[in-house]
Amino acid sequence: SDHAKSHPNLPGGPVAVSTMASQYIEDSRTHFKQWLDDEALQNPHITEHYKTTISRYYNSHRYATSILSIPLVSRNNGEGMPHPIGCLNIYNNKANILMGDSRNAQFVQLLQPICAYLHDMILLYRETNDMEAS
């Protein structure tokens, strides 16, 4: 959160996990260019090398033109704040796969049961690994 001391979270998965809200990027090529230009004005860690590297990655990436990131968050069971354990990223090689924010919200709602299962499966896997290690 302190721009003077750290790199920012990249849009998409990192922001989805840190805010515990889904992120939809219609066109990563234009989105990241605008985001980098805006971020560079307020964050001294955004150097020309950083901007060039991030821009080059998203301009050349064939599979991540549209990105939908949904955090995998525990259900609030009254034991404190829910916390994310991961993120489901859905990529498409075409821009604007969900055709706007309302469709994005509908699709995220449609995927909530799947995200809940993924969350539970990851927790079970972690618990199993912890028990085997001990």
N, C-alpha and C. Protein backbone atom coordinates (compact mmCIF):
# COMPACT_ATOMS: atom_id res chain seq x y z
N SER A 1 0.82 -1.21 0.00
CA SER A 1 0.00 0.00 0.00
C SER A 1 0.85 1.26 0.00
N ASP A 2 2.10 1.17 0.42
CA ASP A 2 2.98 2.33 0.43
C ASP A 2 3.81 2.33 -0.85
N HIS A 3 3.45 3.22 -1.79
CA HIS A 3 4.11 3.24 -3.09
C HIS A 3 5.59 3.57 -3.00
N ALA A 4 6.02 4.21 -1.95
CA ALA A 4 7.43 4.57 -1.84
C ALA A 4 8.30 3.37 -1.47
N LYS A 5 7.69 2.29 -0.99
CA LYS A 5 8.47 1.16 -0.49
C LYS A 5 8.30 -0.14 -1.26
N SER A 6 7.39 -0.20 -2.22
CA SER A 6 7.14 -1.49 -2.85
C SER A 6 6.62 -1.34 -4.26
N HIS A 7 6.71 -2.45 -4.99
CA HIS A 7 6.07 -2.54 -6.29
C HIS A 7 4.58 -2.70 -6.05
N PRO A 8 3.77 -2.24 -6.97
CA PRO A 8 2.32 -2.41 -6.80
C PRO A 8 1.89 -3.82 -7.16
N ASN A 9 0.69 -4.20 -6.71
CA ASN A 9 0.11 -5.46 -7.17
C ASN A 9 -0.32 -5.27 -8.62
N LEU A 10 0.02 -6.24 -9.45
CA LEU A 10 -0.42 -6.18 -10.84
C LEU A 10 -1.93 -6.39 -10.91
N PRO A 11 -2.58 -5.76 -11.87
CA PRO A 11 -4.02 -6.03 -12.06
C PRO A 11 -4.24 -7.51 -12.39
N GLY A 12 -5.42 -7.98 -12.09
CA GLY A 12 -5.75 -9.39 -12.32
C GLY A 12 -5.65 -10.16 -11.02
N GLY A 13 -4.96 -11.30 -11.06
CA GLY A 13 -4.86 -12.19 -9.90
C GLY A 13 -4.33 -11.54 -8.64
N PRO A 14 -3.19 -10.82 -8.70
CA PRO A 14 -2.67 -10.21 -7.47
C PRO A 14 -3.64 -9.22 -6.81
N VAL A 15 -4.31 -8.41 -7.62
CA VAL A 15 -5.28 -7.46 -7.05
C VAL A 15 -6.50 -8.22 -6.55
N ALA A 16 -6.94 -9.25 -7.26
CA ALA A 16 -8.09 -10.03 -6.82
C ALA A 16 -7.84 -10.65 -5.45
N VAL A 17 -6.65 -11.20 -5.25
CA VAL A 17 -6.33 -11.83 -3.97
C VAL A 17 -6.20 -10.77 -2.87
N SER A 18 -5.57 -9.66 -3.16
CA SER A 18 -5.36 -8.64 -2.11
C SER A 18 -6.65 -7.92 -1.73
N THR A 19 -7.59 -7.79 -2.67
CA THR A 19 -8.85 -7.10 -2.37
C THR A 19 -10.00 -8.06 -2.08
N MET A 20 -9.79 -9.36 -2.34
CA MET A 20 -10.81 -10.39 -2.20
C MET A 20 -12.05 -10.08 -3.05
N ALA A 21 -11.80 -9.52 -4.24
CA ALA A 21 -12.87 -9.23 -5.20
C ALA A 21 -12.39 -9.62 -6.60
N SER A 22 -13.29 -10.11 -7.41
CA SER A 22 -12.89 -10.54 -8.75
C SER A 22 -12.41 -9.34 -9.57
N GLN A 23 -11.53 -9.63 -10.50
CA GLN A 23 -10.98 -8.62 -11.41
C GLN A 23 -11.19 -9.09 -12.83
N TYR A 24 -11.69 -8.19 -13.68
CA TYR A 24 -11.91 -8.51 -15.08
C TYR A 24 -11.13 -7.52 -15.94
N ILE A 25 -10.28 -8.04 -16.78
CA ILE A 25 -9.50 -7.22 -17.70
C ILE A 25 -9.98 -7.55 -19.11
N GLU A 26 -10.63 -6.59 -19.75
CA GLU A 26 -11.21 -6.82 -21.08
C GLU A 26 -10.15 -7.04 -22.14
N ASP A 27 -9.11 -6.20 -22.12
CA ASP A 27 -8.03 -6.31 -23.11
C ASP A 27 -6.73 -6.00 -22.40
N SER A 28 -5.95 -7.02 -22.12
CA SER A 28 -4.74 -6.84 -21.32
C SER A 28 -3.74 -5.90 -21.98
N ARG A 29 -3.71 -5.86 -23.29
CA ARG A 29 -2.72 -5.01 -23.96
C ARG A 29 -2.96 -3.54 -23.66
N THR A 30 -4.19 -3.09 -23.82
CA THR A 30 -4.48 -1.68 -23.55
C THR A 30 -4.57 -1.42 -22.04
N HIS A 31 -5.10 -2.38 -21.30
CA HIS A 31 -5.26 -2.19 -19.86
C HIS A 31 -3.92 -2.00 -19.16
N PHE A 32 -2.94 -2.86 -19.46
CA PHE A 32 -1.65 -2.78 -18.78
C PHE A 32 -0.86 -1.54 -19.19
N LYS A 33 -0.99 -1.13 -20.43
CA LYS A 33 -0.31 0.09 -20.86
C LYS A 33 -0.84 1.29 -20.08
N GLN A 34 -2.16 1.42 -20.00
CA GLN A 34 -2.75 2.52 -19.26
C GLN A 34 -2.42 2.42 -17.77
N TRP A 35 -2.50 1.22 -17.22
CA TRP A 35 -2.21 1.03 -15.79
C TRP A 35 -0.76 1.41 -15.48
N LEU A 36 0.17 0.97 -16.32
CA LEU A 36 1.59 1.29 -16.10
C LEU A 36 1.84 2.79 -16.20
N ASP A 37 1.23 3.45 -17.17
CA ASP A 37 1.39 4.91 -17.31
C ASP A 37 0.86 5.64 -16.07
N ASP A 38 -0.33 5.24 -15.60
CA ASP A 38 -0.92 5.87 -14.41
C ASP A 38 -0.09 5.58 -13.17
N GLU A 39 0.34 4.34 -13.01
CA GLU A 39 1.10 3.92 -11.83
C GLU A 39 2.46 4.62 -11.78
N ALA A 40 3.08 4.82 -12.93
CA ALA A 40 4.40 5.44 -12.99
C ALA A 40 4.38 6.87 -12.48
N LEU A 41 3.25 7.52 -12.55
CA LEU A 41 3.14 8.90 -12.07
C LEU A 41 3.25 9.00 -10.55
N GLN A 42 2.84 7.94 -9.84
CA GLN A 42 2.82 8.00 -8.38
C GLN A 42 3.75 7.02 -7.69
N ASN A 43 4.37 6.11 -8.45
CA ASN A 43 5.18 5.08 -7.82
C ASN A 43 6.60 5.12 -8.39
N PRO A 44 7.59 5.43 -7.56
CA PRO A 44 8.97 5.53 -8.05
C PRO A 44 9.58 4.18 -8.45
N HIS A 45 8.96 3.07 -8.09
CA HIS A 45 9.47 1.75 -8.46
C HIS A 45 9.14 1.39 -9.90
N ILE A 46 8.26 2.13 -10.53
CA ILE A 46 7.90 1.84 -11.92
C ILE A 46 8.92 2.54 -12.83
N THR A 47 9.95 1.81 -13.17
CA THR A 47 11.00 2.34 -14.04
C THR A 47 10.65 2.03 -15.50
N GLU A 48 11.39 2.60 -16.41
CA GLU A 48 11.17 2.32 -17.83
C GLU A 48 11.39 0.83 -18.12
N HIS A 49 12.40 0.25 -17.45
CA HIS A 49 12.65 -1.19 -17.64
C HIS A 49 11.45 -2.02 -17.17
N TYR A 50 10.89 -1.67 -16.02
CA TYR A 50 9.71 -2.36 -15.49
C TYR A 50 8.55 -2.23 -16.47
N LYS A 51 8.28 -1.01 -16.93
CA LYS A 51 7.19 -0.77 -17.86
C LYS A 51 7.39 -1.56 -19.16
N THR A 52 8.60 -1.55 -19.67
CA THR A 52 8.89 -2.25 -20.93
C THR A 52 8.72 -3.76 -20.77
N THR A 53 9.21 -4.30 -19.66
CA THR A 53 9.12 -5.74 -19.44
C THR A 53 7.66 -6.19 -19.32
N ILE A 54 6.87 -5.50 -18.52
CA ILE A 54 5.46 -5.87 -18.34
C ILE A 54 4.70 -5.68 -19.65
N SER A 55 4.92 -4.57 -20.33
CA SER A 55 4.24 -4.32 -21.61
C SER A 55 4.59 -5.38 -22.64
N ARG A 56 5.85 -5.71 -22.74
CA ARG A 56 6.29 -6.71 -23.72
C ARG A 56 5.62 -8.06 -23.43
N TYR A 57 5.55 -8.42 -22.17
CA TYR A 57 4.94 -9.71 -21.81
C TYR A 57 3.48 -9.76 -22.27
N TYR A 58 2.68 -8.75 -21.92
CA TYR A 58 1.26 -8.79 -22.27
C TYR A 58 1.00 -8.51 -23.75
N ASN A 59 1.86 -7.79 -24.41
CA ASN A 59 1.69 -7.57 -25.85
C ASN A 59 2.00 -8.82 -26.65
N SER A 60 2.89 -9.66 -26.15
CA SER A 60 3.27 -10.86 -26.90
C SER A 60 2.52 -12.11 -26.45
N HIS A 61 1.82 -12.04 -25.34
CA HIS A 61 1.13 -13.22 -24.80
C HIS A 61 -0.12 -13.49 -25.63
N ARG A 62 -0.19 -14.67 -26.22
CA ARG A 62 -1.31 -15.00 -27.11
C ARG A 62 -2.54 -15.47 -26.35
N TYR A 63 -2.38 -15.92 -25.13
CA TYR A 63 -3.50 -16.56 -24.43
C TYR A 63 -4.13 -15.70 -23.34
N ALA A 64 -3.57 -14.57 -23.03
CA ALA A 64 -4.09 -13.76 -21.93
C ALA A 64 -4.53 -12.39 -22.40
N THR A 65 -5.34 -12.35 -23.44
CA THR A 65 -5.85 -11.06 -23.90
C THR A 65 -6.96 -10.59 -22.97
N SER A 66 -7.92 -11.47 -22.66
CA SER A 66 -8.94 -11.19 -21.64
C SER A 66 -8.61 -12.05 -20.43
N ILE A 67 -8.76 -11.45 -19.26
CA ILE A 67 -8.43 -12.17 -18.02
C ILE A 67 -9.55 -11.94 -17.00
N LEU A 68 -10.02 -13.02 -16.42
CA LEU A 68 -10.94 -12.95 -15.30
C LEU A 68 -10.27 -13.65 -14.13
N SER A 69 -10.10 -12.94 -13.03
CA SER A 69 -9.46 -13.49 -11.83
C SER A 69 -10.47 -13.48 -10.69
N ILE A 70 -10.70 -14.66 -10.12
CA ILE A 70 -11.65 -14.80 -9.01
C ILE A 70 -10.89 -15.36 -7.81
N PRO A 71 -10.84 -14.60 -6.70
CA PRO A 71 -10.13 -15.11 -5.53
C PRO A 71 -10.87 -16.30 -4.92
N LEU A 72 -10.11 -17.25 -4.42
CA LEU A 72 -10.67 -18.40 -3.71
C LEU A 72 -10.61 -18.05 -2.23
N VAL A 73 -11.76 -17.64 -1.71
CA VAL A 73 -11.84 -17.10 -0.36
C VAL A 73 -12.65 -18.03 0.52
N SER A 74 -12.19 -18.21 1.76
CA SER A 74 -12.94 -19.05 2.70
C SER A 74 -14.25 -18.36 3.05
N ARG A 75 -15.25 -19.19 3.27
CA ARG A 75 -16.52 -18.64 3.72
C ARG A 75 -16.35 -18.14 5.14
N ASN A 76 -16.97 -17.03 5.45
CA ASN A 76 -16.86 -16.47 6.79
C ASN A 76 -17.68 -17.33 7.75
N ASN A 77 -16.98 -18.04 8.61
CA ASN A 77 -17.66 -18.94 9.54
C ASN A 77 -17.71 -18.38 10.96
N GLY A 78 -17.55 -17.08 11.08
CA GLY A 78 -17.62 -16.44 12.38
C GLY A 78 -16.32 -16.49 13.15
N GLU A 79 -15.26 -17.05 12.58
CA GLU A 79 -13.98 -17.16 13.28
C GLU A 79 -13.00 -16.07 12.83
N GLY A 80 -13.50 -14.97 12.41
CA GLY A 80 -12.63 -13.88 11.96
C GLY A 80 -12.83 -13.58 10.50
N MET A 81 -11.94 -12.80 9.97
CA MET A 81 -12.03 -12.38 8.58
C MET A 81 -11.73 -13.55 7.64
N PRO A 82 -12.49 -13.65 6.55
CA PRO A 82 -12.14 -14.67 5.55
C PRO A 82 -10.82 -14.29 4.89
N HIS A 83 -10.09 -15.28 4.40
CA HIS A 83 -8.81 -14.99 3.76
C HIS A 83 -8.68 -15.79 2.47
N PRO A 84 -8.06 -15.19 1.47
CA PRO A 84 -7.88 -15.90 0.21
C PRO A 84 -6.77 -16.95 0.31
N ILE A 85 -6.98 -18.07 -0.37
CA ILE A 85 -5.93 -19.10 -0.40
C ILE A 85 -5.37 -19.29 -1.81
N GLY A 86 -5.94 -18.58 -2.75
CA GLY A 86 -5.49 -18.70 -4.13
C GLY A 86 -6.40 -17.91 -5.03
N CYS A 87 -6.27 -18.15 -6.33
CA CYS A 87 -7.04 -17.40 -7.31
C CYS A 87 -7.29 -18.27 -8.53
N LEU A 88 -8.51 -18.25 -9.02
CA LEU A 88 -8.85 -18.91 -10.27
C LEU A 88 -8.72 -17.88 -11.38
N ASN A 89 -7.79 -18.11 -12.30
CA ASN A 89 -7.59 -17.21 -13.44
C ASN A 89 -8.12 -17.88 -14.69
N ILE A 90 -8.95 -17.15 -15.42
CA ILE A 90 -9.49 -17.64 -16.68
C ILE A 90 -9.00 -16.70 -17.77
N TYR A 91 -8.32 -17.27 -18.75
CA TYR A 91 -7.75 -16.50 -19.84
C TYR A 91 -8.47 -16.82 -21.14
N ASN A 92 -8.48 -15.83 -22.04
CA ASN A 92 -8.97 -16.06 -23.38
C ASN A 92 -8.09 -15.29 -24.34
N ASN A 93 -7.94 -15.79 -25.55
CA ASN A 93 -7.07 -15.14 -26.51
C ASN A 93 -7.77 -14.03 -27.29
N LYS A 94 -9.02 -13.71 -26.94
CA LYS A 94 -9.75 -12.62 -27.58
C LYS A 94 -10.08 -11.55 -26.54
N ALA A 95 -10.13 -10.32 -27.00
CA ALA A 95 -10.48 -9.21 -26.10
C ALA A 95 -11.98 -9.25 -25.79
N ASN A 96 -12.31 -8.79 -24.61
CA ASN A 96 -13.69 -8.58 -24.18
C ASN A 96 -14.53 -9.86 -24.24
N ILE A 97 -14.03 -10.94 -23.64
CA ILE A 97 -14.73 -12.22 -23.70
C ILE A 97 -16.08 -12.19 -23.00
N LEU A 98 -16.21 -11.38 -21.97
CA LEU A 98 -17.48 -11.36 -21.23
C LEU A 98 -18.39 -10.21 -21.64
N MET A 99 -17.97 -9.40 -22.57
CA MET A 99 -18.78 -8.33 -23.15
C MET A 99 -19.37 -7.38 -22.11
N GLY A 100 -18.57 -6.95 -21.14
CA GLY A 100 -19.02 -5.92 -20.22
C GLY A 100 -19.10 -6.37 -18.78
N ASP A 101 -19.27 -5.39 -17.90
CA ASP A 101 -19.28 -5.65 -16.46
C ASP A 101 -20.47 -6.46 -15.98
N SER A 102 -21.65 -6.26 -16.58
CA SER A 102 -22.82 -7.00 -16.09
C SER A 102 -22.66 -8.50 -16.39
N ARG A 103 -22.16 -8.83 -17.55
CA ARG A 103 -21.92 -10.25 -17.87
C ARG A 103 -20.80 -10.81 -17.00
N ASN A 104 -19.81 -9.99 -16.72
CA ASN A 104 -18.72 -10.40 -15.84
C ASN A 104 -19.29 -10.79 -14.48
N ALA A 105 -20.13 -9.93 -13.91
CA ALA A 105 -20.71 -10.21 -12.59
C ALA A 105 -21.56 -11.47 -12.61
N GLN A 106 -22.33 -11.67 -13.67
CA GLN A 106 -23.15 -12.87 -13.79
C GLN A 106 -22.28 -14.13 -13.88
N PHE A 107 -21.20 -14.05 -14.65
CA PHE A 107 -20.32 -15.20 -14.80
C PHE A 107 -19.63 -15.54 -13.49
N VAL A 108 -19.20 -14.51 -12.76
CA VAL A 108 -18.56 -14.73 -11.46
C VAL A 108 -19.54 -15.42 -10.51
N GLN A 109 -20.80 -14.97 -10.50
CA GLN A 109 -21.81 -15.61 -9.65
C GLN A 109 -22.03 -17.07 -10.05
N LEU A 110 -22.03 -17.33 -11.35
CA LEU A 110 -22.21 -18.69 -11.85
C LEU A 110 -21.06 -19.60 -11.39
N LEU A 111 -19.86 -19.05 -11.28
CA LEU A 111 -18.69 -19.85 -10.90
C LEU A 111 -18.48 -19.98 -9.39
N GLN A 112 -19.27 -19.30 -8.58
CA GLN A 112 -19.07 -19.35 -7.14
C GLN A 112 -19.10 -20.76 -6.56
N PRO A 113 -20.04 -21.64 -6.96
CA PRO A 113 -19.98 -23.01 -6.42
C PRO A 113 -18.70 -23.74 -6.80
N ILE A 114 -18.23 -23.55 -8.02
CA ILE A 114 -16.98 -24.19 -8.44
C ILE A 114 -15.81 -23.65 -7.63
N CYS A 115 -15.80 -22.34 -7.41
CA CYS A 115 -14.73 -21.73 -6.61
C CYS A 115 -14.76 -22.25 -5.18
N ALA A 116 -15.96 -22.46 -4.63
CA ALA A 116 -16.07 -23.00 -3.26
C ALA A 116 -15.48 -24.41 -3.21
N TYR A 117 -15.78 -25.24 -4.22
CA TYR A 117 -15.20 -26.59 -4.26
C TYR A 117 -13.68 -26.54 -4.41
N LEU A 118 -13.18 -25.67 -5.28
CA LEU A 118 -11.74 -25.53 -5.44
C LEU A 118 -11.08 -25.12 -4.12
N HIS A 119 -11.68 -24.17 -3.44
CA HIS A 119 -11.17 -23.71 -2.15
C HIS A 119 -11.08 -24.88 -1.17
N ASP A 120 -12.16 -25.64 -1.06
CA ASP A 120 -12.19 -26.76 -0.12
C ASP A 120 -11.18 -27.84 -0.51
N MET A 121 -11.04 -28.10 -1.81
CA MET A 121 -10.08 -29.10 -2.26
C MET A 121 -8.65 -28.68 -1.93
N ILE A 122 -8.34 -27.43 -2.09
CA ILE A 122 -6.99 -26.94 -1.77
C ILE A 122 -6.74 -27.07 -0.27
N LEU A 123 -7.73 -26.70 0.54
CA LEU A 123 -7.56 -26.84 1.99
C LEU A 123 -7.36 -28.29 2.40
N LEU A 124 -8.14 -29.20 1.83
CA LEU A 124 -7.98 -30.63 2.14
C LEU A 124 -6.61 -31.14 1.72
N TYR A 125 -6.15 -30.70 0.56
CA TYR A 125 -4.82 -31.10 0.09
C TYR A 125 -3.74 -30.60 1.05
N ARG A 126 -3.87 -29.36 1.48
CA ARG A 126 -2.88 -28.82 2.43
C ARG A 126 -2.90 -29.56 3.75
N GLU A 127 -4.10 -29.86 4.26
CA GLU A 127 -4.19 -30.58 5.52
C GLU A 127 -3.60 -31.98 5.40
N THR A 128 -3.86 -32.65 4.28
CA THR A 128 -3.31 -33.98 4.05
C THR A 128 -1.78 -33.93 4.02
N ASN A 129 -1.23 -32.95 3.33
CA ASN A 129 0.22 -32.81 3.27
C ASN A 129 0.81 -32.52 4.65
N ASP A 130 0.12 -31.68 5.42
CA ASP A 130 0.61 -31.36 6.77
C ASP A 130 0.60 -32.60 7.65
N MET A 131 -0.45 -33.43 7.55
CA MET A 131 -0.54 -34.64 8.37
C MET A 131 0.55 -35.64 7.96
N GLU A 132 0.80 -35.77 6.67
CA GLU A 132 1.84 -36.69 6.20
C GLU A 132 3.22 -36.23 6.64
N ALA A 133 3.43 -34.93 6.66
CA ALA A 133 4.74 -34.39 7.06
C ALA A 133 5.00 -34.62 8.55
N SER A 134 3.95 -34.54 9.35
CA SER A 134 4.15 -34.72 10.79
C SER A 134 4.07 -36.19 11.15
